[in-house]
Amino acid sequence: MQREQEKTAEMQKRVKDLQHQVDELKELVNTLLSVIVEEPDGVHSGAAPTIPGHGLNQVCM
């Protein structure tokens, strides 16, 4: 009986550790996505102005 309780406690600790890691990874992914979708002028308007003749030369990814 005591062994089962120890296993349950270990499993609960492991689940908490994994949940913490998932939360950290979610935050990292959200940060990376924000950086990726940021427009070259730094504005998140969805419609960055295009500069004739420059194409994608000044786009930062």
Protein backbone atom coordinates (compact mmCIF):
# COMPACT_ATOMS: atom_id res chain seq x y z
CA MET A 1 0.00 0.00 0.00
CA GLN A 2 2.78 2.42 0.92
CA ARG A 3 4.64 1.61 -2.31
CA GLU A 4 1.56 2.56 -4.35
CA GLN A 5 1.35 5.89 -2.55
CA GLU A 6 5.03 6.55 -3.27
CA LYS A 7 4.49 5.75 -6.95
CA THR A 8 1.49 8.08 -7.05
CA ALA A 9 3.46 10.87 -5.38
CA GLU A 10 6.36 10.38 -7.80
CA MET A 11 3.98 10.41 -10.76
CA GLN A 12 2.31 13.60 -9.54
CA LYS A 13 5.69 15.28 -9.13
CA ARG A 14 6.71 14.18 -12.63
CA VAL A 15 3.44 15.51 -14.10
CA LYS A 16 4.01 18.87 -12.39
CA ASP A 17 7.57 19.01 -13.76
CA LEU A 18 6.36 18.18 -17.26
CA GLN A 19 3.59 20.77 -17.04
CA HIS A 20 6.17 23.38 -16.03
CA GLN A 21 8.31 22.46 -19.04
CA VAL A 22 5.29 22.66 -21.35
CA ASP A 23 4.43 26.11 -20.02
CA GLU A 24 8.00 27.32 -20.60
CA LEU A 25 8.00 25.91 -24.14
CA LYS A 26 4.65 27.57 -24.90
CA GLU A 27 6.08 30.91 -23.82
CA LEU A 28 9.15 30.37 -25.99
CA VAL A 29 7.06 29.40 -29.02
CA ASN A 30 4.85 32.47 -28.59
CA THR A 31 7.91 34.69 -28.38
CA LEU A 32 9.44 33.14 -31.48
CA LEU A 33 6.18 33.46 -33.41
CA SER A 34 5.95 37.12 -32.43
CA VAL A 35 9.46 37.71 -33.75
CA ILE A 36 8.77 35.82 -36.97
CA VAL A 37 5.56 37.67 -37.84
CA GLU A 38 6.88 41.11 -36.91
CA GLU A 39 6.97 43.26 -39.99
CA PRO A 40 10.20 44.95 -41.13
CA ASP A 41 9.06 48.37 -39.92
CA GLY A 42 8.28 46.99 -36.46
CA VAL A 43 4.54 47.60 -36.83
CA HIS A 44 2.05 44.78 -36.41
CA SER A 45 -0.56 46.34 -38.68
CA GLY A 46 -0.71 43.47 -41.14
CA ALA A 47 0.10 45.74 -44.07
CA ALA A 48 3.69 46.97 -44.13
CA PRO A 49 4.41 49.50 -46.85
CA THR A 50 6.32 48.18 -49.83
CA ILE A 51 9.36 50.03 -51.09
CA PRO A 52 9.60 49.96 -54.89
CA GLY A 53 12.80 48.39 -56.17
CA HIS A 54 13.83 46.89 -52.84
CA GLY A 55 11.81 43.68 -52.85
CA LEU A 56 12.57 41.63 -49.76
CA ASN A 57 16.11 42.92 -49.24
CA GLN A 58 15.24 44.64 -45.96
CA VAL A 59 13.07 41.91 -44.48
CA CYS A 60 14.46 40.47 -41.28
CA MET A 61 13.54 36.89 -40.42
